[in-house]
Amino acid sequence: MKKVLIFLLVIGLTSSQGWASPAPDPKHIPSVKKKIADCVDHQRRLVVETYDNRRLPGFVTKAGTDSFVLSCSVS
């Protein structure tokens, strides 16, 4: 019984890559960076949709080479 549980645990831990969400498409990265830079320059409001289908509205307040900060105002 212990061997079966250990086997299932090892299989479950090693196959977790199949459960992960898909990685971003490398072809879209330059266009996303351009849109983020445009939103920072012109203080535009945007909605970011995540891979788990959440929609996050707000403004980009800071942007780096690989990340950005999305801020929203609560009224």
PDB file of N, CA and C in Angstrom:
ATOM      1  N   MET A   1       0.832  -1.200   0.000  1.00  0.00           N
ATOM      2  CA  MET A   1       0.000   0.000   0.000  1.00  0.00           C
ATOM      3  C   MET A   1       0.871   1.255   0.000  1.00  0.00           C
ATOM      4  N   LYS A   2       1.948   1.244   0.796  1.00  0.00           N
ATOM      5  CA  LYS A   2       2.836   2.399   0.844  1.00  0.00           C
ATOM      6  C   LYS A   2       3.483   2.646  -0.506  1.00  0.00           C
ATOM      7  N   LYS A   3       3.859   1.563  -1.189  1.00  0.00           N
ATOM      8  CA  LYS A   3       4.506   1.712  -2.492  1.00  0.00           C
ATOM      9  C   LYS A   3       3.550   2.335  -3.503  1.00  0.00           C
ATOM     10  N   VAL A   4       2.295   1.973  -3.437  1.00  0.00           N
ATOM     11  CA  VAL A   4       1.311   2.533  -4.361  1.00  0.00           C
ATOM     12  C   VAL A   4       1.134   4.026  -4.099  1.00  0.00           C
ATOM     13  N   LEU A   5       1.034   4.413  -2.818  1.00  0.00           N
ATOM     14  CA  LEU A   5       0.889   5.819  -2.478  1.00  0.00           C
ATOM     15  C   LEU A   5       2.118   6.624  -2.890  1.00  0.00           C
ATOM     16  N   ILE A   6       3.297   6.083  -2.668  1.00  0.00           N
ATOM     17  CA  ILE A   6       4.529   6.769  -3.068  1.00  0.00           C
ATOM     18  C   ILE A   6       4.571   6.915  -4.592  1.00  0.00           C
ATOM     19  N   PHE A   7       4.185   5.869  -5.306  1.00  0.00           N
ATOM     20  CA  PHE A   7       4.169   5.917  -6.759  1.00  0.00           C
ATOM     21  C   PHE A   7       3.214   7.002  -7.256  1.00  0.00           C
ATOM     22  N   LEU A   8       2.008   7.050  -6.679  1.00  0.00           N
ATOM     23  CA  LEU A   8       1.037   8.059  -7.085  1.00  0.00           C
ATOM     24  C   LEU A   8       1.515   9.472  -6.756  1.00  0.00           C
ATOM     25  N   LEU A   9       2.181   9.638  -5.636  1.00  0.00           N
ATOM     26  CA  LEU A   9       2.705  10.929  -5.247  1.00  0.00           C
ATOM     27  C   LEU A   9       3.798  11.387  -6.215  1.00  0.00           C
ATOM     28  N   VAL A  10       4.694  10.479  -6.559  1.00  0.00           N
ATOM     29  CA  VAL A  10       5.773  10.818  -7.486  1.00  0.00           C
ATOM     30  C   VAL A  10       5.207  11.160  -8.860  1.00  0.00           C
ATOM     31  N   ILE A  11       4.263  10.381  -9.353  1.00  0.00           N
ATOM     32  CA  ILE A  11       3.639  10.656 -10.650  1.00  0.00           C
ATOM     33  C   ILE A  11       2.903  11.994 -10.605  1.00  0.00           C
ATOM     34  N   GLY A  12       2.205  12.253  -9.549  1.00  0.00           N
ATOM     35  CA  GLY A  12       1.470  13.514  -9.427  1.00  0.00           C
ATOM     36  C   GLY A  12       2.375  14.720  -9.397  1.00  0.00           C
ATOM     37  N   LEU A  13       3.510  14.622  -8.720  1.00  0.00           N
ATOM     38  CA  LEU A  13       4.432  15.746  -8.650  1.00  0.00           C
ATOM     39  C   LEU A  13       5.187  15.961  -9.955  1.00  0.00           C
ATOM     40  N   THR A  14       5.520  14.900 -10.636  1.00  0.00           N
ATOM     41  CA  THR A  14       6.297  15.044 -11.867  1.00  0.00           C
ATOM     42  C   THR A  14       5.432  15.407 -13.066  1.00  0.00           C
ATOM     43  N   SER A  15       4.151  15.142 -13.010  1.00  0.00           N
ATOM     44  CA  SER A  15       3.292  15.455 -14.150  1.00  0.00           C
ATOM     45  C   SER A  15       2.534  16.762 -13.964  1.00  0.00           C
ATOM     46  N   SER A  16       2.960  17.601 -13.056  1.00  0.00           N
ATOM     47  CA  SER A  16       2.252  18.858 -12.812  1.00  0.00           C
ATOM     48  C   SER A  16       2.398  19.831 -13.972  1.00  0.00           C
ATOM     49  N   GLN A  17       3.363  19.641 -14.856  1.00  0.00           N
ATOM     50  CA  GLN A  17       3.498  20.501 -16.023  1.00  0.00           C
ATOM     51  C   GLN A  17       2.260  20.415 -16.909  1.00  0.00           C
ATOM     52  N   GLY A  18       1.615  19.292 -16.958  1.00  0.00           N
ATOM     53  CA  GLY A  18       0.407  19.141 -17.763  1.00  0.00           C
ATOM     54  C   GLY A  18      -0.758  19.947 -17.233  1.00  0.00           C
ATOM     55  N   TRP A  19      -0.729  20.301 -15.954  1.00  0.00           N
ATOM     56  CA  TRP A  19      -1.808  21.066 -15.344  1.00  0.00           C
ATOM     57  C   TRP A  19      -1.564  22.564 -15.415  1.00  0.00           C
ATOM     58  N   ALA A  20      -0.358  22.968 -15.733  1.00  0.00           N
ATOM     59  CA  ALA A  20      -0.019  24.389 -15.749  1.00  0.00           C
ATOM     60  C   ALA A  20      -0.747  25.097 -16.888  1.00  0.00           C
ATOM     61  N   SER A  21      -0.976  26.383 -16.682  1.00  0.00           N
ATOM     62  CA  SER A  21      -1.621  27.162 -17.741  1.00  0.00           C
ATOM     63  C   SER A  21      -0.637  27.367 -18.885  1.00  0.00           C
ATOM     64  N   PRO A  22      -1.144  27.619 -20.082  1.00  0.00           N
ATOM     65  CA  PRO A  22      -0.253  27.762 -21.228  1.00  0.00           C
ATOM     66  C   PRO A  22       0.630  28.992 -21.101  1.00  0.00           C
ATOM     67  N   ALA A  23       1.823  28.907 -21.647  1.00  0.00           N
ATOM     68  CA  ALA A  23       2.761  30.025 -21.623  1.00  0.00           C
ATOM     69  C   ALA A  23       2.355  31.040 -22.683  1.00  0.00           C
ATOM     70  N   PRO A  24       2.768  32.294 -22.502  1.00  0.00           N
ATOM     71  CA  PRO A  24       2.426  33.297 -23.508  1.00  0.00           C
ATOM     72  C   PRO A  24       3.100  32.989 -24.841  1.00  0.00           C
ATOM     73  N   ASP A  25       2.434  33.362 -25.899  1.00  0.00           N
ATOM     74  CA  ASP A  25       2.973  33.148 -27.230  1.00  0.00           C
ATOM     75  C   ASP A  25       4.079  34.179 -27.480  1.00  0.00           C
ATOM     76  N   PRO A  26       5.302  33.748 -27.765  1.00  0.00           N
ATOM     77  CA  PRO A  26       6.408  34.697 -27.966  1.00  0.00           C
ATOM     78  C   PRO A  26       6.176  35.685 -29.097  1.00  0.00           C
ATOM     79  N   LYS A  27       5.326  35.355 -30.064  1.00  0.00           N
ATOM     80  CA  LYS A  27       5.047  36.276 -31.167  1.00  0.00           C
ATOM     81  C   LYS A  27       4.260  37.500 -30.701  1.00  0.00           C
ATOM     82  N   HIS A  28       3.530  37.395 -29.605  1.00  0.00           N
ATOM     83  CA  HIS A  28       2.681  38.490 -29.138  1.00  0.00           C
ATOM     84  C   HIS A  28       3.403  39.438 -28.195  1.00  0.00           C
ATOM     85  N   ILE A  29       4.554  39.057 -27.697  1.00  0.00           N
ATOM     86  CA  ILE A  29       5.238  39.863 -26.690  1.00  0.00           C
ATOM     87  C   ILE A  29       5.584  41.261 -27.189  1.00  0.00           C
ATOM     88  N   PRO A  30       6.149  41.450 -28.396  1.00  0.00           N
ATOM     89  CA  PRO A  30       6.455  42.820 -28.836  1.00  0.00           C
ATOM     90  C   PRO A  30       5.220  43.711 -28.956  1.00  0.00           C
ATOM     91  N   SER A  31       4.105  43.168 -29.431  1.00  0.00           N
ATOM     92  CA  SER A  31       2.898  43.992 -29.559  1.00  0.00           C
ATOM     93  C   SER A  31       2.334  44.363 -28.191  1.00  0.00           C
ATOM     94  N   VAL A  32       2.417  43.454 -27.225  1.00  0.00           N
ATOM     95  CA  VAL A  32       1.946  43.762 -25.875  1.00  0.00           C
ATOM     96  C   VAL A  32       2.820  44.847 -25.253  1.00  0.00           C
ATOM     97  N   LYS A  33       4.138  44.751 -25.427  1.00  0.00           N
ATOM     98  CA  LYS A  33       5.049  45.769 -24.880  1.00  0.00           C
ATOM     99  C   LYS A  33       4.757  47.133 -25.495  1.00  0.00           C
ATOM    100  N   LYS A  34       4.458  47.166 -26.788  1.00  0.00           N
ATOM    101  CA  LYS A  34       4.151  48.432 -27.456  1.00  0.00           C
ATOM    102  C   LYS A  34       2.859  49.028 -26.906  1.00  0.00           C
ATOM    103  N   LYS A  35       1.841  48.208 -26.703  1.00  0.00           N
ATOM    104  CA  LYS A  35       0.570  48.694 -26.171  1.00  0.00           C
ATOM    105  C   LYS A  35       0.723  49.208 -24.745  1.00  0.00           C
ATOM    106  N   ILE A  36       1.519  48.516 -23.941  1.00  0.00           N
ATOM    107  CA  ILE A  36       1.753  48.944 -22.554  1.00  0.00           C
ATOM    108  C   ILE A  36       2.479  50.278 -22.551  1.00  0.00           C
ATOM    109  N   ALA A  37       3.504  50.434 -23.388  1.00  0.00           N
ATOM    110  CA  ALA A  37       4.242  51.695 -23.463  1.00  0.00           C
ATOM    111  C   ALA A  37       3.334  52.836 -23.895  1.00  0.00           C
ATOM    112  N   ASP A  38       2.433  52.566 -24.826  1.00  0.00           N
ATOM    113  CA  ASP A  38       1.487  53.575 -25.284  1.00  0.00           C
ATOM    114  C   ASP A  38       0.545  53.981 -24.158  1.00  0.00           C
ATOM    115  N   CYS A  39       0.105  53.030 -23.373  1.00  0.00           N
ATOM    116  CA  CYS A  39      -0.789  53.330 -22.252  1.00  0.00           C
ATOM    117  C   CYS A  39      -0.077  54.145 -21.174  1.00  0.00           C
ATOM    118  N   VAL A  40       1.198  53.893 -20.964  1.00  0.00           N
ATOM    119  CA  VAL A  40       1.961  54.667 -19.983  1.00  0.00           C
ATOM    120  C   VAL A  40       2.136  56.098 -20.480  1.00  0.00           C
ATOM    121  N   ASP A  41       2.498  56.253 -21.754  1.00  0.00           N
ATOM    122  CA  ASP A  41       2.751  57.582 -22.312  1.00  0.00           C
ATOM    123  C   ASP A  41       1.509  58.458 -22.333  1.00  0.00           C
ATOM    124  N   HIS A  42       0.347  57.888 -22.622  1.00  0.00           N
ATOM    125  CA  HIS A  42      -0.874  58.671 -22.776  1.00  0.00           C
ATOM    126  C   HIS A  42      -1.862  58.511 -21.627  1.00  0.00           C
ATOM    127  N   GLN A  43      -1.459  57.863 -20.544  1.00  0.00           N
ATOM    128  CA  GLN A  43      -2.327  57.658 -19.368  1.00  0.00           C
ATOM    129  C   GLN A  43      -3.693  57.089 -19.763  1.00  0.00           C
ATOM    130  N   ARG A  44      -3.666  56.038 -20.568  1.00  0.00           N
ATOM    131  CA  ARG A  44      -4.907  55.411 -21.014  1.00  0.00           C
ATOM    132  C   ARG A  44      -5.338  54.309 -20.059  1.00  0.00           C
ATOM    133  N   ARG A  45      -6.638  54.187 -19.925  1.00  0.00           N
ATOM    134  CA  ARG A  45      -7.220  53.105 -19.135  1.00  0.00           C
ATOM    135  C   ARG A  45      -7.255  51.857 -20.010  1.00  0.00           C
ATOM    136  N   LEU A  46      -7.006  50.697 -19.416  1.00  0.00           N
ATOM    137  CA  LEU A  46      -7.048  49.459 -20.162  1.00  0.00           C
ATOM    138  C   LEU A  46      -7.607  48.339 -19.296  1.00  0.00           C
ATOM    139  N   VAL A  47      -7.936  47.246 -19.938  1.00  0.00           N
ATOM    140  CA  VAL A  47      -8.413  46.052 -19.246  1.00  0.00           C
ATOM    141  C   VAL A  47      -7.486  44.908 -19.639  1.00  0.00           C
ATOM    142  N   VAL A  48      -6.880  44.285 -18.640  1.00  0.00           N
ATOM    143  CA  VAL A  48      -5.982  43.153 -18.868  1.00  0.00           C
ATOM    144  C   VAL A  48      -6.774  41.881 -18.607  1.00  0.00           C
ATOM    145  N   GLU A  49      -6.749  40.979 -19.575  1.00  0.00           N
ATOM    146  CA  GLU A  49      -7.422  39.695 -19.394  1.00  0.00           C
ATOM    147  C   GLU A  49      -6.358  38.630 -19.153  1.00  0.00           C
ATOM    148  N   THR A  50      -6.463  37.916 -18.039  1.00  0.00           N
ATOM    149  CA  THR A  50      -5.483  36.907 -17.668  1.00  0.00           C
ATOM    150  C   THR A  50      -5.816  35.570 -18.316  1.00  0.00           C
ATOM    151  N   TYR A  51      -4.882  34.626 -18.211  1.00  0.00           N
ATOM    152  CA  TYR A  51      -5.092  33.304 -18.793  1.00  0.00           C
ATOM    153  C   TYR A  51      -6.210  32.526 -18.112  1.00  0.00           C
ATOM    154  N   ASP A  52      -6.545  32.909 -16.872  1.00  0.00           N
ATOM    155  CA  ASP A  52      -7.655  32.234 -16.196  1.00  0.00           C
ATOM    156  C   ASP A  52      -8.958  33.026 -16.348  1.00  0.00           C
ATOM    157  N   ASN A  53      -9.032  33.865 -17.398  1.00  0.00           N
ATOM    158  CA  ASN A  53     -10.224  34.614 -17.805  1.00  0.00           C
ATOM    159  C   ASN A  53     -10.690  35.674 -16.809  1.00  0.00           C
ATOM    160  N   ARG A  54      -9.782  36.185 -15.994  1.00  0.00           N
ATOM    161  CA  ARG A  54     -10.123  37.325 -15.133  1.00  0.00           C
ATOM    162  C   ARG A  54      -9.855  38.608 -15.908  1.00  0.00           C
ATOM    163  N   ARG A  55     -10.681  39.617 -15.691  1.00  0.00           N
ATOM    164  CA  ARG A  55     -10.508  40.914 -16.351  1.00  0.00           C
ATOM    165  C   ARG A  55     -10.145  41.934 -15.285  1.00  0.00           C
ATOM    166  N   LEU A  56      -8.996  42.598 -15.474  1.00  0.00           N
ATOM    167  CA  LEU A  56      -8.486  43.550 -14.501  1.00  0.00           C
ATOM    168  C   LEU A  56      -8.402  44.934 -15.136  1.00  0.00           C
ATOM    169  N   PRO A  57      -9.313  45.853 -14.802  1.00  0.00           N
ATOM    170  CA  PRO A  57      -9.261  47.204 -15.368  1.00  0.00           C
ATOM    171  C   PRO A  57      -8.331  48.098 -14.554  1.00  0.00           C
ATOM    172  N   GLY A  58      -7.755  49.100 -15.220  1.00  0.00           N
ATOM    173  CA  GLY A  58      -6.916  50.047 -14.514  1.00  0.00           C
ATOM    174  C   GLY A  58      -6.027  50.851 -15.432  1.00  0.00           C
ATOM    175  N   PHE A  59      -5.017  51.480 -14.837  1.00  0.00           N
ATOM    176  CA  PHE A  59      -4.034  52.283 -15.538  1.00  0.00           C
ATOM    177  C   PHE A  59      -2.657  51.689 -15.290  1.00  0.00           C
ATOM    178  N   VAL A  60      -1.800  51.747 -16.285  1.00  0.00           N
ATOM    179  CA  VAL A  60      -0.420  51.299 -16.113  1.00  0.00           C
ATOM    180  C   VAL A  60       0.353  52.472 -15.532  1.00  0.00           C
ATOM    181  N   THR A  61       0.863  52.318 -14.305  1.00  0.00           N
ATOM    182  CA  THR A  61       1.579  53.405 -13.655  1.00  0.00           C
ATOM    183  C   THR A  61       3.085  53.292 -13.817  1.00  0.00           C
ATOM    184  N   LYS A  62       3.577  52.082 -13.999  1.00  0.00           N
ATOM    185  CA  LYS A  62       5.010  51.874 -14.148  1.00  0.00           C
ATOM    186  C   LYS A  62       5.214  50.668 -15.050  1.00  0.00           C
ATOM    187  N   ALA A  63       6.196  50.745 -15.946  1.00  0.00           N
ATOM    188  CA  ALA A  63       6.471  49.633 -16.842  1.00  0.00           C
ATOM    189  C   ALA A  63       7.971  49.426 -16.942  1.00  0.00           C
ATOM    190  N   GLY A  64       8.372  48.163 -16.850  1.00  0.00           N
ATOM    191  CA  GLY A  64       9.765  47.783 -17.023  1.00  0.00           C
ATOM    192  C   GLY A  64       9.907  46.979 -18.301  1.00  0.00           C
ATOM    193  N   THR A  65      11.040  46.309 -18.454  1.00  0.00           N
ATOM    194  CA  THR A  65      11.257  45.525 -19.670  1.00  0.00           C
ATOM    195  C   THR A  65      10.424  44.254 -19.687  1.00  0.00           C
ATOM    196  N   ASP A  66      10.178  43.659 -18.523  1.00  0.00           N
ATOM    197  CA  ASP A  66       9.440  42.400 -18.466  1.00  0.00           C
ATOM    198  C   ASP A  66       8.221  42.444 -17.561  1.00  0.00           C
ATOM    199  N   SER A  67       7.874  43.605 -17.051  1.00  0.00           N
ATOM    200  CA  SER A  67       6.740  43.675 -16.142  1.00  0.00           C
ATOM    201  C   SER A  67       6.133  45.083 -16.172  1.00  0.00           C
ATOM    202  N   PHE A  68       4.934  45.204 -15.596  1.00  0.00           N
ATOM    203  CA  PHE A  68       4.295  46.501 -15.456  1.00  0.00           C
ATOM    204  C   PHE A  68       3.398  46.470 -14.224  1.00  0.00           C
ATOM    205  N   VAL A  69       3.042  47.656 -13.763  1.00  0.00           N
ATOM    206  CA  VAL A  69       2.183  47.806 -12.585  1.00  0.00           C
ATOM    207  C   VAL A  69       0.839  48.338 -13.056  1.00  0.00           C
ATOM    208  N   LEU A  70      -0.206  47.610 -12.740  1.00  0.00           N
ATOM    209  CA  LEU A  70      -1.560  48.004 -13.095  1.00  0.00           C
ATOM    210  C   LEU A  70      -2.235  48.519 -11.832  1.00  0.00           C
ATOM    211  N   SER A  71      -2.649  49.796 -11.867  1.00  0.00           N
ATOM    212  CA  SER A  71      -3.300  50.404 -10.701  1.00  0.00           C
ATOM    213  C   SER A  71      -4.734  50.733 -11.048  1.00  0.00           C
ATOM    214  N   CYS A  72      -5.597  50.527 -10.085  1.00  0.00           N
ATOM    215  CA  CYS A  72      -6.999  50.890 -10.293  1.00  0.00           C
ATOM    216  C   CYS A  72      -7.438  51.787  -9.145  1.00  0.00           C
ATOM    217  N   SER A  73      -8.341  52.706  -9.455  1.00  0.00           N
ATOM    218  CA  SER A  73      -8.846  53.598  -8.427  1.00  0.00           C
ATOM    219  C   SER A  73     -10.192  53.056  -7.932  1.00  0.00           C
ATOM    220  N   VAL A  74     -10.343  53.083  -6.643  1.00  0.00           N
ATOM    221  CA  VAL A  74     -11.595  52.615  -6.038  1.00  0.00           C
ATOM    222  C   VAL A  74     -12.401  53.840  -5.684  1.00  0.00           C
ATOM    223  N   SER A  75     -13.645  53.864  -6.148  1.00  0.00           N
ATOM    224  CA  SER A  75     -14.482  55.045  -5.869  1.00  0.00           C
ATOM    225  C   SER A  75     -15.509  54.742  -4.814  1.00  0.00           C
TER     226      SER A  75
END
